[in-house]
């Protein structure tokens, strides 16, 4: 799996993430890592509507995201990870997720 980008953005998936970053990076999957959004069908629905056609979306809590990534679930995809807060990325790194380049957007 290639984690091609990681971004801190309080808005999660929105115009800039969907149309600029995802397209420019050639991402095939956006993983939103957010405890609250992962439990909210309304939040997930809104995030799906903002995701570009042809790009897959996962909305996961930290533990599930780390588990899926470390168990190679997305190995054949170009993954763009987005979270609201730096603490989320710290938790992912502490769980063993290899994040080497972090873009600080709108926090």
PDB file of N, CA and C in Angstrom:
ATOM      1  N   UNK A   1       0.842  -1.178   0.000  1.00  0.00           N
ATOM      2  CA  UNK A   1       0.000   0.000   0.000  1.00  0.00           C
ATOM      3  C   UNK A   1       0.876   1.227   0.000  1.00  0.00           C
ATOM      4  N   UNK A   2       0.400   2.190  -0.705  1.00  0.00           N
ATOM      5  CA  UNK A   2       1.117   3.454  -0.711  1.00  0.00           C
ATOM      6  C   UNK A   2       0.251   4.512  -0.039  1.00  0.00           C
ATOM      7  N   UNK A   3       0.700   4.951   1.137  1.00  0.00           N
ATOM      8  CA  UNK A   3       0.081   6.140   1.721  1.00  0.00           C
ATOM      9  C   UNK A   3       0.764   7.296   1.001  1.00  0.00           C
ATOM     10  N   UNK A   4       0.031   7.918   0.107  1.00  0.00           N
ATOM     11  CA  UNK A   4       0.639   8.956  -0.717  1.00  0.00           C
ATOM     12  C   UNK A   4       0.550  10.334  -0.085  1.00  0.00           C
ATOM     13  N   UNK A   5      -0.352  10.494   0.884  1.00  0.00           N
ATOM     14  CA  UNK A   5      -0.471  11.786   1.563  1.00  0.00           C
ATOM     15  C   UNK A   5      -1.254  11.623   2.843  1.00  0.00           C
ATOM     16  N   UNK A   6      -0.988  12.527   3.776  1.00  0.00           N
ATOM     17  CA  UNK A   6      -1.725  12.593   5.035  1.00  0.00           C
ATOM     18  C   UNK A   6      -1.952  14.074   5.319  1.00  0.00           C
ATOM     19  N   UNK A   7      -3.180  14.428   5.648  1.00  0.00           N
ATOM     20  CA  UNK A   7      -3.521  15.845   5.813  1.00  0.00           C
ATOM     21  C   UNK A   7      -4.358  16.060   7.063  1.00  0.00           C
ATOM     22  N   UNK A   8      -3.993  17.089   7.816  1.00  0.00           N
ATOM     23  CA  UNK A   8      -4.808  17.543   8.935  1.00  0.00           C
ATOM     24  C   UNK A   8      -5.736  18.622   8.386  1.00  0.00           C
ATOM     25  N   UNK A   9      -7.023  18.381   8.487  1.00  0.00           N
ATOM     26  CA  UNK A   9      -7.991  19.356   7.981  1.00  0.00           C
ATOM     27  C   UNK A   9      -9.299  19.181   8.740  1.00  0.00           C
ATOM     28  N   UNK A  10      -9.681  20.180   9.498  1.00  0.00           N
ATOM     29  CA  UNK A  10     -10.888  20.125  10.302  1.00  0.00           C
ATOM     30  C   UNK A  10     -12.157  19.931   9.501  1.00  0.00           C
ATOM     31  N   UNK A  11     -12.078  20.197   8.214  1.00  0.00           N
ATOM     32  CA  UNK A  11     -13.262  20.038   7.354  1.00  0.00           C
ATOM     33  C   UNK A  11     -13.351  18.648   6.744  1.00  0.00           C
ATOM     34  N   UNK A  12     -12.308  17.843   6.936  1.00  0.00           N
ATOM     35  CA  UNK A  12     -12.215  16.487   6.390  1.00  0.00           C
ATOM     36  C   UNK A  12     -12.302  16.527   4.861  1.00  0.00           C
ATOM     37  N   UNK A  13     -13.336  15.978   4.268  1.00  0.00           N
ATOM     38  CA  UNK A  13     -13.444  15.970   2.803  1.00  0.00           C
ATOM     39  C   UNK A  13     -14.319  17.145   2.384  1.00  0.00           C
ATOM     40  N   UNK A  14     -13.755  18.022   1.604  1.00  0.00           N
ATOM     41  CA  UNK A  14     -14.452  19.213   1.109  1.00  0.00           C
ATOM     42  C   UNK A  14     -13.851  19.544  -0.250  1.00  0.00           C
ATOM     43  N   UNK A  15     -14.190  20.668  -0.830  1.00  0.00           N
ATOM     44  CA  UNK A  15     -13.755  21.009  -2.182  1.00  0.00           C
ATOM     45  C   UNK A  15     -12.263  20.913  -2.421  1.00  0.00           C
ATOM     46  N   UNK A  16     -11.461  21.489  -1.538  1.00  0.00           N
ATOM     47  CA  UNK A  16     -10.013  21.485  -1.734  1.00  0.00           C
ATOM     48  C   UNK A  16      -9.443  20.074  -1.639  1.00  0.00           C
ATOM     49  N   UNK A  17      -9.869  19.315  -0.658  1.00  0.00           N
ATOM     50  CA  UNK A  17      -9.387  17.937  -0.503  1.00  0.00           C
ATOM     51  C   UNK A  17      -9.866  17.090  -1.677  1.00  0.00           C
ATOM     52  N   UNK A  18     -11.147  17.210  -2.007  1.00  0.00           N
ATOM     53  CA  UNK A  18     -11.732  16.362  -3.052  1.00  0.00           C
ATOM     54  C   UNK A  18     -11.234  16.713  -4.443  1.00  0.00           C
ATOM     55  N   UNK A  19     -11.250  17.977  -4.769  1.00  0.00           N
ATOM     56  CA  UNK A  19     -10.966  18.366  -6.148  1.00  0.00           C
ATOM     57  C   UNK A  19      -9.520  18.729  -6.430  1.00  0.00           C
ATOM     58  N   UNK A  20      -8.811  19.232  -5.448  1.00  0.00           N
ATOM     59  CA  UNK A  20      -7.417  19.604  -5.675  1.00  0.00           C
ATOM     60  C   UNK A  20      -6.474  18.484  -5.255  1.00  0.00           C
ATOM     61  N   UNK A  21      -6.452  18.173  -3.963  1.00  0.00           N
ATOM     62  CA  UNK A  21      -5.473  17.215  -3.449  1.00  0.00           C
ATOM     63  C   UNK A  21      -5.681  15.810  -4.003  1.00  0.00           C
ATOM     64  N   UNK A  22      -6.885  15.304  -3.944  1.00  0.00           N
ATOM     65  CA  UNK A  22      -7.139  13.932  -4.393  1.00  0.00           C
ATOM     66  C   UNK A  22      -6.797  13.765  -5.864  1.00  0.00           C
ATOM     67  N   UNK A  23      -7.197  14.732  -6.674  1.00  0.00           N
ATOM     68  CA  UNK A  23      -6.921  14.673  -8.107  1.00  0.00           C
ATOM     69  C   UNK A  23      -5.429  14.804  -8.391  1.00  0.00           C
ATOM     70  N   UNK A  24      -4.792  15.796  -7.779  1.00  0.00           N
ATOM     71  CA  UNK A  24      -3.363  16.030  -8.013  1.00  0.00           C
ATOM     72  C   UNK A  24      -2.515  14.832  -7.587  1.00  0.00           C
ATOM     73  N   UNK A  25      -2.885  14.200  -6.486  1.00  0.00           N
ATOM     74  CA  UNK A  25      -2.130  13.070  -5.968  1.00  0.00           C
ATOM     75  C   UNK A  25      -2.451  11.758  -6.678  1.00  0.00           C
ATOM     76  N   UNK A  26      -3.568  11.702  -7.373  1.00  0.00           N
ATOM     77  CA  UNK A  26      -3.988  10.455  -8.002  1.00  0.00           C
ATOM     78  C   UNK A  26      -4.472   9.424  -7.001  1.00  0.00           C
ATOM     79  N   UNK A  27      -5.008   9.899  -5.889  1.00  0.00           N
ATOM     80  CA  UNK A  27      -5.485   8.989  -4.839  1.00  0.00           C
ATOM     81  C   UNK A  27      -6.650   8.147  -5.345  1.00  0.00           C
ATOM     82  N   UNK A  28      -6.646   6.878  -4.967  1.00  0.00           N
ATOM     83  CA  UNK A  28      -7.760   6.001  -5.306  1.00  0.00           C
ATOM     84  C   UNK A  28      -8.648   5.728  -4.099  1.00  0.00           C
ATOM     85  N   UNK A  29      -8.162   6.075  -2.887  1.00  0.00           N
ATOM     86  CA  UNK A  29      -8.965   5.937  -1.679  1.00  0.00           C
ATOM     87  C   UNK A  29      -8.620   7.069  -0.708  1.00  0.00           C
ATOM     88  N   UNK A  30      -9.662   7.647  -0.136  1.00  0.00           N
ATOM     89  CA  UNK A  30      -9.514   8.589   0.967  1.00  0.00           C
ATOM     90  C   UNK A  30      -9.924   7.840   2.230  1.00  0.00           C
ATOM     91  N   UNK A  31      -9.056   7.881   3.221  1.00  0.00           N
ATOM     92  CA  UNK A  31      -9.421   7.326   4.523  1.00  0.00           C
ATOM     93  C   UNK A  31      -9.567   8.497   5.481  1.00  0.00           C
ATOM     94  N   UNK A  32     -10.784   8.731   5.928  1.00  0.00           N
ATOM     95  CA  UNK A  32     -11.050   9.726   6.961  1.00  0.00           C
ATOM     96  C   UNK A  32     -10.948   8.995   8.290  1.00  0.00           C
ATOM     97  N   UNK A  33     -10.061   9.475   9.153  1.00  0.00           N
ATOM     98  CA  UNK A  33      -9.898   8.863  10.475  1.00  0.00           C
ATOM     99  C   UNK A  33     -10.464   9.846  11.494  1.00  0.00           C
ATOM    100  N   UNK A  34     -11.614   9.492  12.037  1.00  0.00           N
ATOM    101  CA  UNK A  34     -12.305  10.378  12.975  1.00  0.00           C
ATOM    102  C   UNK A  34     -13.272   9.546  13.813  1.00  0.00           C
ATOM    103  N   UNK A  35     -13.087   9.588  15.110  1.00  0.00           N
ATOM    104  CA  UNK A  35     -13.905   8.782  16.021  1.00  0.00           C
ATOM    105  C   UNK A  35     -15.397   9.107  15.870  1.00  0.00           C
ATOM    106  N   UNK A  36     -15.754  10.393  15.886  1.00  0.00           N
ATOM    107  CA  UNK A  36     -17.168  10.780  15.832  1.00  0.00           C
ATOM    108  C   UNK A  36     -17.784  10.463  14.471  1.00  0.00           C
ATOM    109  N   UNK A  37     -17.107  10.825  13.397  1.00  0.00           N
ATOM    110  CA  UNK A  37     -17.648  10.590  12.057  1.00  0.00           C
ATOM    111  C   UNK A  37     -17.818   9.098  11.777  1.00  0.00           C
ATOM    112  N   UNK A  38     -16.935   8.281  12.322  1.00  0.00           N
ATOM    113  CA  UNK A  38     -17.024   6.838  12.075  1.00  0.00           C
ATOM    114  C   UNK A  38     -18.281   6.223  12.681  1.00  0.00           C
ATOM    115  N   UNK A  39     -18.882   6.921  13.625  1.00  0.00           N
ATOM    116  CA  UNK A  39     -20.086   6.420  14.298  1.00  0.00           C
ATOM    117  C   UNK A  39     -21.360   7.114  13.827  1.00  0.00           C
ATOM    118  N   UNK A  40     -21.228   8.034  12.884  1.00  0.00           N
ATOM    119  CA  UNK A  40     -22.380   8.834  12.449  1.00  0.00           C
ATOM    120  C   UNK A  40     -22.725   8.563  10.988  1.00  0.00           C
ATOM    121  N   UNK A  41     -23.895   7.978  10.763  1.00  0.00           N
ATOM    122  CA  UNK A  41     -24.341   7.726   9.389  1.00  0.00           C
ATOM    123  C   UNK A  41     -24.531   9.030   8.620  1.00  0.00           C
ATOM    124  N   UNK A  42     -24.949  10.082   9.301  1.00  0.00           N
ATOM    125  CA  UNK A  42     -25.140  11.372   8.639  1.00  0.00           C
ATOM    126  C   UNK A  42     -23.797  11.939   8.189  1.00  0.00           C
ATOM    127  N   UNK A  43     -22.808  11.905   9.069  1.00  0.00           N
ATOM    128  CA  UNK A  43     -21.472  12.382   8.693  1.00  0.00           C
ATOM    129  C   UNK A  43     -20.908  11.575   7.535  1.00  0.00           C
ATOM    130  N   UNK A  44     -21.036  10.260   7.605  1.00  0.00           N
ATOM    131  CA  UNK A  44     -20.519   9.403   6.531  1.00  0.00           C
ATOM    132  C   UNK A  44     -21.198   9.719   5.204  1.00  0.00           C
ATOM    133  N   UNK A  45     -22.483   9.944   5.243  1.00  0.00           N
ATOM    134  CA  UNK A  45     -23.224  10.262   4.020  1.00  0.00           C
ATOM    135  C   UNK A  45     -22.726  11.562   3.399  1.00  0.00           C
ATOM    136  N   UNK A  46     -22.531  12.583   4.224  1.00  0.00           N
ATOM    137  CA  UNK A  46     -22.026  13.858   3.722  1.00  0.00           C
ATOM    138  C   UNK A  46     -20.628  13.731   3.147  1.00  0.00           C
ATOM    139  N   UNK A  47     -19.778  12.961   3.797  1.00  0.00           N
ATOM    140  CA  UNK A  47     -18.418  12.747   3.303  1.00  0.00           C
ATOM    141  C   UNK A  47     -18.435  11.986   1.982  1.00  0.00           C
ATOM    142  N   UNK A  48     -19.331  11.021   1.847  1.00  0.00           N
ATOM    143  CA  UNK A  48     -19.443  10.280   0.580  1.00  0.00           C
ATOM    144  C   UNK A  48     -19.859  11.211  -0.554  1.00  0.00           C
ATOM    145  N   UNK A  49     -20.784  12.126  -0.268  1.00  0.00           N
ATOM    146  CA  UNK A  49     -21.227  13.064  -1.303  1.00  0.00           C
ATOM    147  C   UNK A  49     -20.093  13.982  -1.756  1.00  0.00           C
ATOM    148  N   UNK A  50     -19.165  14.293  -0.870  1.00  0.00           N
ATOM    149  CA  UNK A  50     -18.056  15.182  -1.200  1.00  0.00           C
ATOM    150  C   UNK A  50     -16.899  14.463  -1.889  1.00  0.00           C
ATOM    151  N   UNK A  51     -16.893  13.150  -1.841  1.00  0.00           N
ATOM    152  CA  UNK A  51     -15.803  12.364  -2.424  1.00  0.00           C
ATOM    153  C   UNK A  51     -15.970  12.283  -3.940  1.00  0.00           C
ATOM    154  N   UNK A  52     -14.899  12.517  -4.687  1.00  0.00           N
ATOM    155  CA  UNK A  52     -14.999  12.477  -6.157  1.00  0.00           C
ATOM    156  C   UNK A  52     -15.398  11.096  -6.678  1.00  0.00           C
ATOM    157  N   UNK A  53     -16.083  11.086  -7.825  1.00  0.00           N
ATOM    158  CA  UNK A  53     -16.428   9.828  -8.484  1.00  0.00           C
ATOM    159  C   UNK A  53     -15.152   9.041  -8.767  1.00  0.00           C
ATOM    160  N   UNK A  54     -15.223   7.752  -8.581  1.00  0.00           N
ATOM    161  CA  UNK A  54     -14.093   6.889  -8.866  1.00  0.00           C
ATOM    162  C   UNK A  54     -13.095   6.756  -7.729  1.00  0.00           C
ATOM    163  N   UNK A  55     -13.306   7.504  -6.649  1.00  0.00           N
ATOM    164  CA  UNK A  55     -12.429   7.429  -5.486  1.00  0.00           C
ATOM    165  C   UNK A  55     -13.215   6.753  -4.369  1.00  0.00           C
ATOM    166  N   UNK A  56     -12.603   5.779  -3.738  1.00  0.00           N
ATOM    167  CA  UNK A  56     -13.260   5.088  -2.633  1.00  0.00           C
ATOM    168  C   UNK A  56     -13.053   5.864  -1.343  1.00  0.00           C
ATOM    169  N   UNK A  57     -13.972   5.677  -0.419  1.00  0.00           N
ATOM    170  CA  UNK A  57     -13.920   6.383   0.860  1.00  0.00           C
ATOM    171  C   UNK A  57     -14.102   5.399   2.003  1.00  0.00           C
ATOM    172  N   UNK A  58     -13.262   5.533   3.007  1.00  0.00           N
ATOM    173  CA  UNK A  58     -13.446   4.814   4.267  1.00  0.00           C
ATOM    174  C   UNK A  58     -13.489   5.854   5.376  1.00  0.00           C
ATOM    175  N   UNK A  59     -14.436   5.709   6.286  1.00  0.00           N
ATOM    176  CA  UNK A  59     -14.534   6.584   7.448  1.00  0.00           C
ATOM    177  C   UNK A  59     -14.397   5.679   8.666  1.00  0.00           C
ATOM    178  N   UNK A  60     -13.238   5.792   9.324  1.00  0.00           N
ATOM    179  CA  UNK A  60     -12.876   4.814  10.345  1.00  0.00           C
ATOM    180  C   UNK A  60     -12.402   5.475  11.635  1.00  0.00           C
ATOM    181  N   UNK A  61     -12.532   4.753  12.735  1.00  0.00           N
ATOM    182  CA  UNK A  61     -11.905   5.191  13.980  1.00  0.00           C
ATOM    183  C   UNK A  61     -10.424   4.824  13.908  1.00  0.00           C
ATOM    184  N   UNK A  62      -9.632   5.330  14.828  1.00  0.00           N
ATOM    185  CA  UNK A  62      -8.176   5.124  14.803  1.00  0.00           C
ATOM    186  C   UNK A  62      -7.818   3.640  14.832  1.00  0.00           C
ATOM    187  N   UNK A  63      -8.419   2.887  15.739  1.00  0.00           N
ATOM    188  CA  UNK A  63      -8.062   1.476  15.885  1.00  0.00           C
ATOM    189  C   UNK A  63      -8.349   0.684  14.609  1.00  0.00           C
ATOM    190  N   UNK A  64      -9.502   0.924  14.013  1.00  0.00           N
ATOM    191  CA  UNK A  64      -9.867   0.199  12.794  1.00  0.00           C
ATOM    192  C   UNK A  64      -8.975   0.612  11.632  1.00  0.00           C
ATOM    193  N   UNK A  65      -8.716   1.916  11.503  1.00  0.00           N
ATOM    194  CA  UNK A  65      -7.838   2.383  10.432  1.00  0.00           C
ATOM    195  C   UNK A  65      -6.458   1.761  10.554  1.00  0.00           C
ATOM    196  N   UNK A  66      -5.886   1.789  11.736  1.00  0.00           N
ATOM    197  CA  UNK A  66      -4.563   1.206  11.941  1.00  0.00           C
ATOM    198  C   UNK A  66      -4.577  -0.285  11.634  1.00  0.00           C
ATOM    199  N   UNK A  67      -5.587  -0.975  12.093  1.00  0.00           N
ATOM    200  CA  UNK A  67      -5.703  -2.417  11.845  1.00  0.00           C
ATOM    201  C   UNK A  67      -5.760  -2.719  10.351  1.00  0.00           C
ATOM    202  N   UNK A  68      -6.617  -2.021   9.626  1.00  0.00           N
ATOM    203  CA  UNK A  68      -6.757  -2.253   8.181  1.00  0.00           C
ATOM    204  C   UNK A  68      -5.453  -1.939   7.441  1.00  0.00           C
ATOM    205  N   UNK A  69      -4.830  -0.824   7.781  1.00  0.00           N
ATOM    206  CA  UNK A  69      -3.600  -0.428   7.104  1.00  0.00           C
ATOM    207  C   UNK A  69      -2.485  -1.431   7.389  1.00  0.00           C
ATOM    208  N   UNK A  70      -2.305  -1.770   8.647  1.00  0.00           N
ATOM    209  CA  UNK A  70      -1.222  -2.684   9.026  1.00  0.00           C
ATOM    210  C   UNK A  70      -1.451  -4.114   8.555  1.00  0.00           C
ATOM    211  N   UNK A  71      -2.693  -4.479   8.285  1.00  0.00           N
ATOM    212  CA  UNK A  71      -3.012  -5.802   7.752  1.00  0.00           C
ATOM    213  C   UNK A  71      -3.136  -5.804   6.230  1.00  0.00           C
ATOM    214  N   UNK A  72      -2.625  -4.732   5.615  1.00  0.00           N
ATOM    215  CA  UNK A  72      -2.470  -4.652   4.152  1.00  0.00           C
ATOM    216  C   UNK A  72      -3.782  -4.669   3.367  1.00  0.00           C
ATOM    217  N   UNK A  73      -4.857  -4.186   3.964  1.00  0.00           N
ATOM    218  CA  UNK A  73      -6.155  -4.185   3.285  1.00  0.00           C
ATOM    219  C   UNK A  73      -6.145  -3.288   2.043  1.00  0.00           C
ATOM    220  N   UNK A  74      -5.311  -2.263   2.042  1.00  0.00           N
ATOM    221  CA  UNK A  74      -5.331  -1.292   0.951  1.00  0.00           C
ATOM    222  C   UNK A  74      -4.056  -1.337   0.106  1.00  0.00           C
ATOM    223  N   UNK A  75      -3.366  -2.457   0.105  1.00  0.00           N
ATOM    224  CA  UNK A  75      -2.064  -2.550  -0.558  1.00  0.00           C
ATOM    225  C   UNK A  75      -2.073  -2.166  -2.035  1.00  0.00           C
ATOM    226  N   UNK A  76      -3.145  -2.408  -2.729  1.00  0.00           N
ATOM    227  CA  UNK A  76      -3.176  -2.123  -4.165  1.00  0.00           C
ATOM    228  C   UNK A  76      -3.687  -0.716  -4.478  1.00  0.00           C
ATOM    229  N   UNK A  77      -3.843   0.119  -3.462  1.00  0.00           N
ATOM    230  CA  UNK A  77      -4.449   1.436  -3.658  1.00  0.00           C
ATOM    231  C   UNK A  77      -3.496   2.561  -3.273  1.00  0.00           C
ATOM    232  N   UNK A  78      -3.780   3.749  -3.791  1.00  0.00           N
ATOM    233  CA  UNK A  78      -3.070   4.967  -3.408  1.00  0.00           C
ATOM    234  C   UNK A  78      -3.943   5.668  -2.367  1.00  0.00           C
ATOM    235  N   UNK A  79      -3.467   5.673  -1.131  1.00  0.00           N
ATOM    236  CA  UNK A  79      -4.283   6.094   0.002  1.00  0.00           C
ATOM    237  C   UNK A  79      -3.921   7.510   0.458  1.00  0.00           C
ATOM    238  N   UNK A  80      -4.953   8.315   0.631  1.00  0.00           N
ATOM    239  CA  UNK A  80      -4.850   9.676   1.149  1.00  0.00           C
ATOM    240  C   UNK A  80      -5.588   9.674   2.483  1.00  0.00           C
ATOM    241  N   UNK A  81      -4.867   9.907   3.580  1.00  0.00           N
ATOM    242  CA  UNK A  81      -5.466   9.897   4.912  1.00  0.00           C
ATOM    243  C   UNK A  81      -5.756  11.326   5.352  1.00  0.00           C
ATOM    244  N   UNK A  82      -6.966  11.549   5.855  1.00  0.00           N
ATOM    245  CA  UNK A  82      -7.375  12.870   6.331  1.00  0.00           C
ATOM    246  C   UNK A  82      -7.946  12.731   7.740  1.00  0.00           C
ATOM    247  N   UNK A  83      -7.525  13.623   8.623  1.00  0.00           N
ATOM    248  CA  UNK A  83      -8.055  13.654   9.989  1.00  0.00           C
ATOM    249  C   UNK A  83      -8.156  15.109  10.445  1.00  0.00           C
ATOM    250  N   UNK A  84      -8.979  15.355  11.435  1.00  0.00           N
ATOM    251  CA  UNK A  84      -9.199  16.721  11.923  1.00  0.00           C
ATOM    252  C   UNK A  84      -8.063  17.256  12.774  1.00  0.00           C
ATOM    253  N   UNK A  85      -7.413  16.374  13.547  1.00  0.00           N
ATOM    254  CA  UNK A  85      -6.456  16.839  14.556  1.00  0.00           C
ATOM    255  C   UNK A  85      -5.129  16.083  14.477  1.00  0.00           C
ATOM    256  N   UNK A  86      -4.051  16.746  14.875  1.00  0.00           N
ATOM    257  CA  UNK A  86      -2.753  16.071  14.872  1.00  0.00           C
ATOM    258  C   UNK A  86      -2.712  14.874  15.822  1.00  0.00           C
ATOM    259  N   UNK A  87      -3.495  14.915  16.887  1.00  0.00           N
ATOM    260  CA  UNK A  87      -3.525  13.805  17.838  1.00  0.00           C
ATOM    261  C   UNK A  87      -3.952  12.500  17.160  1.00  0.00           C
ATOM    262  N   UNK A  88      -4.803  12.608  16.163  1.00  0.00           N
ATOM    263  CA  UNK A  88      -5.241  11.412  15.442  1.00  0.00           C
ATOM    264  C   UNK A  88      -4.066  10.768  14.720  1.00  0.00           C
ATOM    265  N   UNK A  89      -3.242  11.607  14.083  1.00  0.00           N
ATOM    266  CA  UNK A  89      -2.070  11.067  13.390  1.00  0.00           C
ATOM    267  C   UNK A  89      -1.047  10.521  14.379  1.00  0.00           C
ATOM    268  N   UNK A  90      -0.907  11.153  15.526  1.00  0.00           N
ATOM    269  CA  UNK A  90      -0.011  10.633  16.556  1.00  0.00           C
ATOM    270  C   UNK A  90      -0.472   9.246  16.989  1.00  0.00           C
ATOM    271  N   UNK A  91      -1.769   9.078  17.164  1.00  0.00           N
ATOM    272  CA  UNK A  91      -2.306   7.762  17.552  1.00  0.00           C
ATOM    273  C   UNK A  91      -2.037   6.724  16.461  1.00  0.00           C
ATOM    274  N   UNK A  92      -2.182   7.107  15.199  1.00  0.00           N
ATOM    275  CA  UNK A  92      -1.889   6.178  14.102  1.00  0.00           C
ATOM    276  C   UNK A  92      -0.414   5.787  14.093  1.00  0.00           C
ATOM    277  N   UNK A  93       0.461   6.777  14.238  1.00  0.00           N
ATOM    278  CA  UNK A  93       1.906   6.506  14.258  1.00  0.00           C
ATOM    279  C   UNK A  93       2.258   5.620  15.451  1.00  0.00           C
ATOM    280  N   UNK A  94       1.691   5.915  16.605  1.00  0.00           N
ATOM    281  CA  UNK A  94       1.938   5.097  17.802  1.00  0.00           C
ATOM    282  C   UNK A  94       1.447   3.663  17.622  1.00  0.00           C
ATOM    283  N   UNK A  95       0.450   3.476  16.753  1.00  0.00           N
ATOM    284  CA  UNK A  95      -0.065   2.127  16.470  1.00  0.00           C
ATOM    285  C   UNK A  95       0.777   1.413  15.408  1.00  0.00           C
ATOM    286  N   UNK A  96       1.751   2.138  14.832  1.00  0.00           N
ATOM    287  CA  UNK A  96       2.643   1.517  13.857  1.00  0.00           C
ATOM    288  C   UNK A  96       2.395   1.878  12.411  1.00  0.00           C
ATOM    289  N   UNK A  97       1.456   2.780  12.154  1.00  0.00           N
ATOM    290  CA  UNK A  97       1.166   3.188  10.777  1.00  0.00           C
ATOM    291  C   UNK A  97       2.300   4.092  10.281  1.00  0.00           C
ATOM    292  N   UNK A  98       2.879   3.767   9.126  1.00  0.00           N
ATOM    293  CA  UNK A  98       4.023   4.530   8.617  1.00  0.00           C
ATOM    294  C   UNK A  98       3.607   5.822   7.912  1.00  0.00           C
ATOM    295  N   UNK A  99       3.499   6.889   8.661  1.00  0.00           N
ATOM    296  CA  UNK A  99       3.173   8.199   8.080  1.00  0.00           C
ATOM    297  C   UNK A  99       4.444   9.036   8.129  1.00  0.00           C
ATOM    298  N   UNK A 100       4.923   9.402   6.944  1.00  0.00           N
ATOM    299  CA  UNK A 100       6.199  10.123   6.884  1.00  0.00           C
ATOM    300  C   UNK A 100       6.053  11.562   6.431  1.00  0.00           C
ATOM    301  N   UNK A 101       4.952  11.896   5.804  1.00  0.00           N
ATOM    302  CA  UNK A 101       4.770  13.247   5.277  1.00  0.00           C
ATOM    303  C   UNK A 101       3.384  13.734   5.654  1.00  0.00           C
ATOM    304  N   UNK A 102       3.302  14.770   6.470  1.00  0.00           N
ATOM    305  CA  UNK A 102       2.020  15.254   6.957  1.00  0.00           C
ATOM    306  C   UNK A 102       1.796  16.681   6.507  1.00  0.00           C
ATOM    307  N   UNK A 103       0.682  16.913   5.821  1.00  0.00           N
ATOM    308  CA  UNK A 103       0.320  18.241   5.355  1.00  0.00           C
ATOM    309  C   UNK A 103      -0.627  18.859   6.370  1.00  0.00           C
ATOM    310  N   UNK A 104      -0.255  20.014   6.883  1.00  0.00           N
ATOM    311  CA  UNK A 104      -1.112  20.697   7.843  1.00  0.00           C
ATOM    312  C   UNK A 104      -1.977  21.689   7.080  1.00  0.00           C
ATOM    313  N   UNK A 105      -3.245  21.351   6.987  1.00  0.00           N
ATOM    314  CA  UNK A 105      -4.188  22.209   6.265  1.00  0.00           C
ATOM    315  C   UNK A 105      -4.929  23.102   7.239  1.00  0.00           C
ATOM    316  N   UNK A 106      -6.232  23.035   7.198  1.00  0.00           N
ATOM    317  CA  UNK A 106      -7.098  23.869   8.008  1.00  0.00           C
ATOM    318  C   UNK A 106      -7.401  23.160   9.322  1.00  0.00           C
ATOM    319  N   UNK A 107      -6.732  23.592  10.410  1.00  0.00           N
ATOM    320  CA  UNK A 107      -7.001  23.005  11.724  1.00  0.00           C
ATOM    321  C   UNK A 107      -7.700  24.033  12.587  1.00  0.00           C
TER     322      UNK A 107
END
